[in-house]
Amino acid sequence: MVYDELRELAASYLRRDRGTVTLQPTMLVHELYFKLVDQRRTTWETRAHFFATAGLLMRRLIVDHARAALAEKRGGGRVVTLDPEVAITDETPEELLRVDDALEALARLDARQAKIVELRFFAGLPLELVAESLGVSVATVKRDWAMARAWLALRLGH
């Protein structure tokens, strides 16, 4: 029922990529599907709950892919941007891993802010769906998104 929507999300993400990620939309969705099917004990309460879980799993897949790419080839230090209107754009595997490490540190300080970054940055979900999945208002998501981006900018050195 959600295959087309997940594939559209993956395709949108990969369209913005500038060749640093070699995943194809179909492959990304299929890998995501295998992860979702493995969630046997999960009862999907709402559509937002499903997409929040899908966003978390998509983040893990992207980071795992970045780690594999990094193991094959080492690169230079570019700047990571957290653009509020797009998911990952042209980050290298190194940058994705830096973001992932920073996100883990943020999660220890404020789990909701980390989840918002995950859903916006890795899954590319709109503010309204993020708010619904977390059970908070859009205003709260906007505020936490701004705070998280500022904290991450400091953490990542720009």
N, C-alpha and C. Protein backbone atom coordinates (compact mmCIF):
# COMPACT_ATOMS: atom_id res chain seq x y z
N MET A 1 0.81 -1.20 0.00
CA MET A 1 0.00 0.00 0.00
C MET A 1 0.85 1.27 0.00
N VAL A 2 2.05 1.21 0.58
CA VAL A 2 2.88 2.40 0.68
C VAL A 2 4.13 2.31 -0.20
N TYR A 3 4.23 1.25 -0.99
CA TYR A 3 5.42 1.05 -1.81
C TYR A 3 5.70 2.26 -2.70
N ASP A 4 4.68 2.72 -3.40
CA ASP A 4 4.88 3.84 -4.31
C ASP A 4 5.34 5.09 -3.58
N GLU A 5 4.77 5.32 -2.40
CA GLU A 5 5.16 6.50 -1.61
C GLU A 5 6.60 6.39 -1.12
N LEU A 6 6.99 5.20 -0.66
CA LEU A 6 8.36 4.99 -0.21
C LEU A 6 9.34 5.11 -1.39
N ARG A 7 8.95 4.58 -2.54
CA ARG A 7 9.82 4.66 -3.70
C ARG A 7 9.96 6.12 -4.17
N GLU A 8 8.87 6.87 -4.10
CA GLU A 8 8.93 8.29 -4.46
C GLU A 8 9.86 9.05 -3.52
N LEU A 9 9.78 8.74 -2.23
CA LEU A 9 10.67 9.36 -1.25
C LEU A 9 12.12 9.02 -1.55
N ALA A 10 12.39 7.75 -1.83
CA ALA A 10 13.76 7.32 -2.16
C ALA A 10 14.24 7.98 -3.45
N ALA A 11 13.38 8.02 -4.45
CA ALA A 11 13.75 8.64 -5.73
C ALA A 11 14.03 10.13 -5.56
N SER A 12 13.22 10.79 -4.75
CA SER A 12 13.41 12.22 -4.50
C SER A 12 14.77 12.46 -3.83
N TYR A 13 15.08 11.65 -2.86
CA TYR A 13 16.37 11.74 -2.18
C TYR A 13 17.52 11.52 -3.16
N LEU A 14 17.41 10.48 -3.95
CA LEU A 14 18.50 10.15 -4.86
C LEU A 14 18.62 11.13 -6.02
N ARG A 15 17.52 11.76 -6.42
CA ARG A 15 17.59 12.78 -7.48
C ARG A 15 18.45 13.95 -7.03
N ARG A 16 18.38 14.28 -5.75
CA ARG A 16 19.16 15.41 -5.23
C ARG A 16 20.62 15.06 -5.02
N ASP A 17 20.92 13.78 -5.00
CA ASP A 17 22.29 13.32 -4.79
C ASP A 17 23.13 13.68 -6.01
N ARG A 18 24.38 13.95 -5.77
CA ARG A 18 25.26 14.32 -6.88
C ARG A 18 26.31 13.24 -7.13
N GLY A 19 25.87 11.99 -7.07
CA GLY A 19 26.78 10.90 -7.41
C GLY A 19 27.55 10.31 -6.26
N THR A 20 27.36 10.77 -5.03
CA THR A 20 28.12 10.22 -3.92
C THR A 20 27.46 8.99 -3.34
N VAL A 21 26.16 8.83 -3.56
CA VAL A 21 25.44 7.66 -3.08
C VAL A 21 25.03 6.85 -4.29
N THR A 22 25.39 5.57 -4.30
CA THR A 22 25.14 4.74 -5.48
C THR A 22 23.89 3.88 -5.35
N LEU A 23 23.10 4.09 -4.32
CA LEU A 23 21.86 3.35 -4.18
C LEU A 23 20.85 3.77 -5.24
N GLN A 24 20.08 2.83 -5.73
CA GLN A 24 18.97 3.12 -6.63
C GLN A 24 17.69 3.15 -5.80
N PRO A 25 16.68 3.93 -6.21
CA PRO A 25 15.45 4.01 -5.42
C PRO A 25 14.82 2.64 -5.12
N THR A 26 14.75 1.80 -6.12
CA THR A 26 14.15 0.48 -5.93
C THR A 26 14.95 -0.33 -4.92
N MET A 27 16.27 -0.30 -5.03
CA MET A 27 17.11 -1.05 -4.11
C MET A 27 16.95 -0.52 -2.68
N LEU A 28 16.92 0.80 -2.52
CA LEU A 28 16.75 1.38 -1.20
C LEU A 28 15.41 0.99 -0.59
N VAL A 29 14.35 1.04 -1.37
CA VAL A 29 13.02 0.67 -0.86
C VAL A 29 12.98 -0.82 -0.54
N HIS A 30 13.60 -1.65 -1.37
CA HIS A 30 13.59 -3.09 -1.11
C HIS A 30 14.37 -3.42 0.16
N GLU A 31 15.51 -2.79 0.35
CA GLU A 31 16.26 -3.00 1.60
C GLU A 31 15.44 -2.52 2.79
N LEU A 32 14.77 -1.39 2.64
CA LEU A 32 13.91 -0.87 3.69
C LEU A 32 12.79 -1.86 3.98
N TYR A 33 12.20 -2.43 2.94
CA TYR A 33 11.13 -3.40 3.11
C TYR A 33 11.59 -4.58 3.96
N PHE A 34 12.77 -5.12 3.67
CA PHE A 34 13.27 -6.25 4.44
C PHE A 34 13.45 -5.89 5.91
N LYS A 35 13.87 -4.66 6.16
CA LYS A 35 14.00 -4.21 7.55
C LYS A 35 12.63 -4.06 8.21
N LEU A 36 11.66 -3.53 7.47
CA LEU A 36 10.32 -3.34 8.02
C LEU A 36 9.62 -4.68 8.28
N VAL A 37 9.80 -5.62 7.39
CA VAL A 37 9.19 -6.93 7.57
C VAL A 37 9.74 -7.60 8.82
N ASP A 38 10.97 -7.30 9.14
CA ASP A 38 11.61 -7.89 10.31
C ASP A 38 11.07 -7.30 11.62
N GLN A 39 10.24 -6.29 11.54
CA GLN A 39 9.65 -5.65 12.72
C GLN A 39 8.39 -6.41 13.14
N ARG A 40 8.54 -7.67 13.44
CA ARG A 40 7.39 -8.55 13.71
C ARG A 40 6.58 -8.11 14.92
N ARG A 41 7.25 -7.59 15.92
CA ARG A 41 6.55 -7.24 17.15
C ARG A 41 5.95 -5.84 17.12
N THR A 42 6.09 -5.15 16.00
CA THR A 42 5.58 -3.80 15.90
C THR A 42 4.15 -3.81 15.38
N THR A 43 3.29 -3.09 16.06
CA THR A 43 1.94 -2.87 15.58
C THR A 43 1.88 -1.43 15.10
N TRP A 44 1.61 -1.25 13.83
CA TRP A 44 1.57 0.09 13.26
C TRP A 44 0.31 0.78 13.75
N GLU A 45 0.46 1.74 14.63
CA GLU A 45 -0.69 2.43 15.21
C GLU A 45 -1.29 3.45 14.25
N THR A 46 -0.44 4.15 13.54
CA THR A 46 -0.89 5.16 12.58
C THR A 46 0.05 5.16 11.38
N ARG A 47 -0.37 5.85 10.36
CA ARG A 47 0.46 6.04 9.17
C ARG A 47 1.75 6.77 9.56
N ALA A 48 1.61 7.76 10.43
CA ALA A 48 2.78 8.52 10.88
C ALA A 48 3.76 7.63 11.63
N HIS A 49 3.25 6.71 12.44
CA HIS A 49 4.10 5.77 13.17
C HIS A 49 4.90 4.91 12.19
N PHE A 50 4.23 4.44 11.15
CA PHE A 50 4.90 3.64 10.14
C PHE A 50 6.03 4.44 9.48
N PHE A 51 5.73 5.68 9.06
CA PHE A 51 6.74 6.47 8.37
C PHE A 51 7.87 6.90 9.32
N ALA A 52 7.57 7.08 10.59
CA ALA A 52 8.64 7.38 11.56
C ALA A 52 9.59 6.20 11.66
N THR A 53 9.04 5.00 11.73
CA THR A 53 9.88 3.80 11.78
C THR A 53 10.65 3.64 10.47
N ALA A 54 9.98 3.88 9.36
CA ALA A 54 10.64 3.79 8.06
C ALA A 54 11.78 4.80 7.98
N GLY A 55 11.58 6.00 8.53
CA GLY A 55 12.64 7.01 8.52
C GLY A 55 13.85 6.56 9.32
N LEU A 56 13.61 5.96 10.47
CA LEU A 56 14.72 5.45 11.30
C LEU A 56 15.49 4.37 10.54
N LEU A 57 14.76 3.45 9.94
CA LEU A 57 15.42 2.37 9.21
C LEU A 57 16.13 2.89 7.96
N MET A 58 15.54 3.90 7.31
CA MET A 58 16.19 4.48 6.14
C MET A 58 17.52 5.13 6.56
N ARG A 59 17.52 5.80 7.70
CA ARG A 59 18.76 6.39 8.21
C ARG A 59 19.81 5.33 8.40
N ARG A 60 19.43 4.22 9.02
CA ARG A 60 20.40 3.15 9.25
C ARG A 60 20.94 2.59 7.94
N LEU A 61 20.08 2.41 6.96
CA LEU A 61 20.53 1.90 5.67
C LEU A 61 21.50 2.87 5.00
N ILE A 62 21.17 4.14 5.04
CA ILE A 62 22.02 5.15 4.41
C ILE A 62 23.37 5.22 5.10
N VAL A 63 23.37 5.19 6.42
CA VAL A 63 24.62 5.23 7.17
C VAL A 63 25.44 3.96 6.91
N ASP A 64 24.79 2.81 6.90
CA ASP A 64 25.50 1.57 6.59
C ASP A 64 26.11 1.62 5.20
N HIS A 65 25.37 2.16 4.26
CA HIS A 65 25.88 2.29 2.89
C HIS A 65 27.08 3.25 2.88
N ALA A 66 27.00 4.32 3.64
CA ALA A 66 28.11 5.28 3.71
C ALA A 66 29.34 4.62 4.33
N ARG A 67 29.13 3.82 5.37
CA ARG A 67 30.27 3.12 6.00
C ARG A 67 30.94 2.17 5.00
N ALA A 68 30.11 1.46 4.23
CA ALA A 68 30.67 0.54 3.24
C ALA A 68 31.45 1.30 2.18
N ALA A 69 30.90 2.43 1.73
CA ALA A 69 31.60 3.23 0.73
C ALA A 69 32.90 3.79 1.28
N LEU A 70 32.89 4.19 2.54
CA LEU A 70 34.09 4.73 3.17
C LEU A 70 35.17 3.67 3.31
N ALA A 71 34.74 2.45 3.57
CA ALA A 71 35.71 1.36 3.69
C ALA A 71 36.43 1.12 2.36
N GLU A 72 35.72 1.42 1.26
CA GLU A 72 36.31 1.22 -0.06
C GLU A 72 37.24 2.38 -0.46
N LYS A 73 36.87 3.59 -0.04
CA LYS A 73 37.62 4.75 -0.50
C LYS A 73 37.57 5.85 0.56
N ARG A 74 38.69 6.46 0.83
CA ARG A 74 38.77 7.58 1.78
C ARG A 74 38.67 8.89 1.02
N GLY A 75 38.05 9.93 1.65
CA GLY A 75 37.87 11.20 0.96
C GLY A 75 38.27 12.37 1.83
N GLY A 76 38.08 13.62 1.31
CA GLY A 76 38.44 14.84 2.01
C GLY A 76 37.31 15.40 2.84
N GLY A 77 37.56 16.43 3.63
CA GLY A 77 36.57 17.01 4.53
C GLY A 77 35.78 18.14 3.90
N ARG A 78 34.52 17.86 3.54
CA ARG A 78 33.61 18.89 3.04
C ARG A 78 32.63 19.24 4.13
N VAL A 79 31.89 20.30 3.93
CA VAL A 79 30.94 20.78 4.92
C VAL A 79 29.59 20.09 4.76
N VAL A 80 28.98 19.70 5.86
CA VAL A 80 27.65 19.08 5.85
C VAL A 80 26.62 20.18 6.09
N THR A 81 25.59 20.23 5.25
CA THR A 81 24.51 21.19 5.45
C THR A 81 23.25 20.46 5.84
N LEU A 82 22.47 21.06 6.70
CA LEU A 82 21.19 20.50 7.10
C LEU A 82 20.10 21.40 6.54
N ASP A 83 19.82 21.23 5.27
CA ASP A 83 18.83 22.04 4.58
C ASP A 83 17.44 21.59 5.00
N PRO A 84 16.60 22.50 5.50
CA PRO A 84 15.30 22.11 6.01
C PRO A 84 14.32 21.65 4.93
N GLU A 85 14.61 21.91 3.69
CA GLU A 85 13.66 21.57 2.63
C GLU A 85 14.00 20.28 1.89
N VAL A 86 15.14 19.68 2.19
CA VAL A 86 15.52 18.48 1.47
C VAL A 86 16.09 17.44 2.41
N ALA A 87 16.07 16.22 1.95
CA ALA A 87 16.78 15.17 2.67
C ALA A 87 18.25 15.30 2.28
N ILE A 88 19.02 14.28 2.43
CA ILE A 88 20.44 14.32 2.13
C ILE A 88 20.65 14.77 0.69
N THR A 89 21.60 15.66 0.48
CA THR A 89 21.83 16.14 -0.87
C THR A 89 23.14 15.59 -1.42
N ASP A 90 24.26 16.22 -1.13
CA ASP A 90 25.51 15.78 -1.76
C ASP A 90 26.58 15.43 -0.73
N GLU A 91 26.18 14.88 0.38
CA GLU A 91 27.12 14.54 1.42
C GLU A 91 27.93 13.31 1.04
N THR A 92 29.19 13.31 1.42
CA THR A 92 30.05 12.15 1.21
C THR A 92 29.80 11.16 2.33
N PRO A 93 30.28 9.92 2.17
CA PRO A 93 30.14 8.96 3.27
C PRO A 93 30.73 9.47 4.58
N GLU A 94 31.86 10.17 4.50
CA GLU A 94 32.47 10.70 5.72
C GLU A 94 31.53 11.68 6.42
N GLU A 95 30.91 12.55 5.62
CA GLU A 95 30.00 13.55 6.18
C GLU A 95 28.77 12.90 6.79
N LEU A 96 28.25 11.88 6.11
CA LEU A 96 27.09 11.17 6.66
C LEU A 96 27.42 10.53 8.00
N LEU A 97 28.62 9.99 8.11
CA LEU A 97 29.03 9.38 9.38
C LEU A 97 29.23 10.43 10.47
N ARG A 98 29.74 11.59 10.08
CA ARG A 98 29.88 12.69 11.05
C ARG A 98 28.50 13.13 11.54
N VAL A 99 27.55 13.25 10.62
CA VAL A 99 26.20 13.63 11.00
C VAL A 99 25.60 12.56 11.92
N ASP A 100 25.81 11.30 11.57
CA ASP A 100 25.27 10.21 12.38
C ASP A 100 25.85 10.25 13.80
N ASP A 101 27.16 10.45 13.91
CA ASP A 101 27.79 10.54 15.24
C ASP A 101 27.23 11.73 16.02
N ALA A 102 27.09 12.87 15.36
CA ALA A 102 26.55 14.05 16.02
C ALA A 102 25.11 13.82 16.44
N LEU A 103 24.36 13.13 15.61
CA LEU A 103 22.96 12.84 15.92
C LEU A 103 22.85 11.91 17.13
N GLU A 104 23.75 10.98 17.25
CA GLU A 104 23.78 10.10 18.43
C GLU A 104 24.04 10.93 19.69
N ALA A 105 24.96 11.89 19.60
CA ALA A 105 25.24 12.76 20.76
C ALA A 105 24.02 13.62 21.09
N LEU A 106 23.36 14.14 20.07
CA LEU A 106 22.15 14.93 20.29
C LEU A 106 21.06 14.09 20.95
N ALA A 107 20.94 12.85 20.54
CA ALA A 107 19.91 11.97 21.11
C ALA A 107 20.11 11.77 22.61
N ARG A 108 21.35 11.78 23.05
CA ARG A 108 21.62 11.66 24.49
C ARG A 108 21.17 12.91 25.25
N LEU A 109 21.18 14.06 24.56
CA LEU A 109 20.76 15.32 25.18
C LEU A 109 19.25 15.56 25.04
N ASP A 110 18.73 15.31 23.85
CA ASP A 110 17.31 15.57 23.58
C ASP A 110 16.84 14.60 22.50
N ALA A 111 16.20 13.53 22.93
CA ALA A 111 15.78 12.47 22.01
C ALA A 111 14.80 12.98 20.96
N ARG A 112 13.88 13.87 21.33
CA ARG A 112 12.90 14.36 20.36
C ARG A 112 13.57 15.18 19.27
N GLN A 113 14.50 16.04 19.64
CA GLN A 113 15.20 16.82 18.63
C GLN A 113 15.96 15.90 17.67
N ALA A 114 16.59 14.87 18.20
CA ALA A 114 17.31 13.93 17.34
C ALA A 114 16.36 13.22 16.39
N LYS A 115 15.20 12.84 16.89
CA LYS A 115 14.21 12.16 16.05
C LYS A 115 13.71 13.10 14.95
N ILE A 116 13.52 14.36 15.28
CA ILE A 116 13.08 15.33 14.27
C ILE A 116 14.14 15.47 13.18
N VAL A 117 15.39 15.57 13.54
CA VAL A 117 16.46 15.66 12.54
C VAL A 117 16.47 14.41 11.68
N GLU A 118 16.34 13.27 12.30
CA GLU A 118 16.33 12.01 11.58
C GLU A 118 15.19 11.96 10.55
N LEU A 119 14.01 12.36 10.97
CA LEU A 119 12.86 12.30 10.08
C LEU A 119 12.92 13.35 8.98
N ARG A 120 13.47 14.52 9.29
CA ARG A 120 13.57 15.58 8.27
C ARG A 120 14.77 15.35 7.35
N PHE A 121 15.94 15.10 7.93
CA PHE A 121 17.18 15.03 7.16
C PHE A 121 17.33 13.71 6.42
N PHE A 122 17.13 12.61 7.12
CA PHE A 122 17.34 11.31 6.49
C PHE A 122 16.13 10.83 5.70
N ALA A 123 14.93 11.04 6.23
CA ALA A 123 13.74 10.55 5.53
C ALA A 123 13.07 11.62 4.69
N GLY A 124 13.40 12.89 4.91
CA GLY A 124 12.82 13.96 4.11
C GLY A 124 11.34 14.19 4.36
N LEU A 125 10.85 13.84 5.55
CA LEU A 125 9.43 13.99 5.84
C LEU A 125 9.06 15.44 6.08
N PRO A 126 7.86 15.85 5.68
CA PRO A 126 7.40 17.22 5.93
C PRO A 126 7.12 17.45 7.41
N LEU A 127 7.13 18.71 7.82
CA LEU A 127 6.93 19.06 9.23
C LEU A 127 5.64 18.47 9.80
N GLU A 128 4.58 18.49 9.01
CA GLU A 128 3.29 18.01 9.50
C GLU A 128 3.34 16.52 9.83
N LEU A 129 3.98 15.73 9.00
CA LEU A 129 4.07 14.29 9.26
C LEU A 129 5.00 14.01 10.43
N VAL A 130 6.06 14.79 10.56
CA VAL A 130 6.95 14.65 11.71
C VAL A 130 6.17 14.94 12.99
N ALA A 131 5.41 16.03 12.99
CA ALA A 131 4.61 16.40 14.17
C ALA A 131 3.62 15.29 14.52
N GLU A 132 2.95 14.77 13.52
CA GLU A 132 1.97 13.71 13.75
C GLU A 132 2.64 12.46 14.31
N SER A 133 3.77 12.10 13.76
CA SER A 133 4.44 10.88 14.22
C SER A 133 4.96 11.00 15.65
N LEU A 134 5.30 12.22 16.07
CA LEU A 134 5.80 12.43 17.43
C LEU A 134 4.71 12.85 18.40
N GLY A 135 3.52 13.13 17.89
CA GLY A 135 2.42 13.53 18.76
C GLY A 135 2.59 14.91 19.37
N VAL A 136 3.20 15.82 18.60
CA VAL A 136 3.40 17.19 19.05
C VAL A 136 2.90 18.14 17.97
N SER A 137 2.86 19.42 18.28
CA SER A 137 2.40 20.41 17.30
C SER A 137 3.48 20.71 16.27
N VAL A 138 3.06 21.25 15.14
CA VAL A 138 4.00 21.66 14.10
C VAL A 138 4.91 22.77 14.64
N ALA A 139 4.35 23.65 15.47
CA ALA A 139 5.16 24.73 16.06
C ALA A 139 6.29 24.14 16.92
N THR A 140 5.99 23.10 17.67
CA THR A 140 7.01 22.45 18.49
C THR A 140 8.09 21.84 17.61
N VAL A 141 7.67 21.20 16.52
CA VAL A 141 8.64 20.61 15.60
C VAL A 141 9.52 21.70 14.99
N LYS A 142 8.93 22.81 14.58
CA LYS A 142 9.72 23.91 14.01
C LYS A 142 10.75 24.43 15.01
N ARG A 143 10.31 24.62 16.25
CA ARG A 143 11.20 25.13 17.30
C ARG A 143 12.34 24.13 17.56
N ASP A 144 11.99 22.86 17.73
CA ASP A 144 13.01 21.84 17.99
C ASP A 144 13.93 21.65 16.80
N TRP A 145 13.39 21.74 15.59
CA TRP A 145 14.19 21.61 14.37
C TRP A 145 15.23 22.71 14.32
N ALA A 146 14.83 23.95 14.63
CA ALA A 146 15.77 25.08 14.63
C ALA A 146 16.85 24.89 15.69
N MET A 147 16.45 24.47 16.88
CA MET A 147 17.42 24.25 17.95
C MET A 147 18.39 23.12 17.59
N ALA A 148 17.86 22.04 17.07
CA ALA A 148 18.71 20.89 16.72
C ALA A 148 19.70 21.26 15.61
N ARG A 149 19.22 22.00 14.62
CA ARG A 149 20.12 22.41 13.54
C ARG A 149 21.23 23.30 14.07
N ALA A 150 20.90 24.21 14.97
CA ALA A 150 21.93 25.09 15.55
C ALA A 150 22.93 24.28 16.36
N TRP A 151 22.44 23.34 17.16
CA TRP A 151 23.33 22.51 17.98
C TRP A 151 24.25 21.68 17.08
N LEU A 152 23.67 21.08 16.04
CA LEU A 152 24.46 20.28 15.13
C LEU A 152 25.48 21.11 14.36
N ALA A 153 25.11 22.33 13.98
CA ALA A 153 26.04 23.21 13.29
C ALA A 153 27.27 23.47 14.16
N LEU A 154 27.03 23.73 15.44
CA LEU A 154 28.15 23.93 16.36
C LEU A 154 28.97 22.66 16.51
N ARG A 155 28.29 21.56 16.64
CA ARG A 155 28.96 20.26 16.82
C ARG A 155 29.80 19.88 15.60
N LEU A 156 29.27 20.20 14.43
CA LEU A 156 29.97 19.84 13.19
C LEU A 156 30.97 20.90 12.75
N GLY A 157 31.04 22.00 13.50
CA GLY A 157 32.08 22.99 13.26
C GLY A 157 31.79 24.04 12.20
N HIS A 158 30.51 24.37 12.01
CA HIS A 158 30.18 25.47 11.07
C HIS A 158 28.87 26.09 11.46
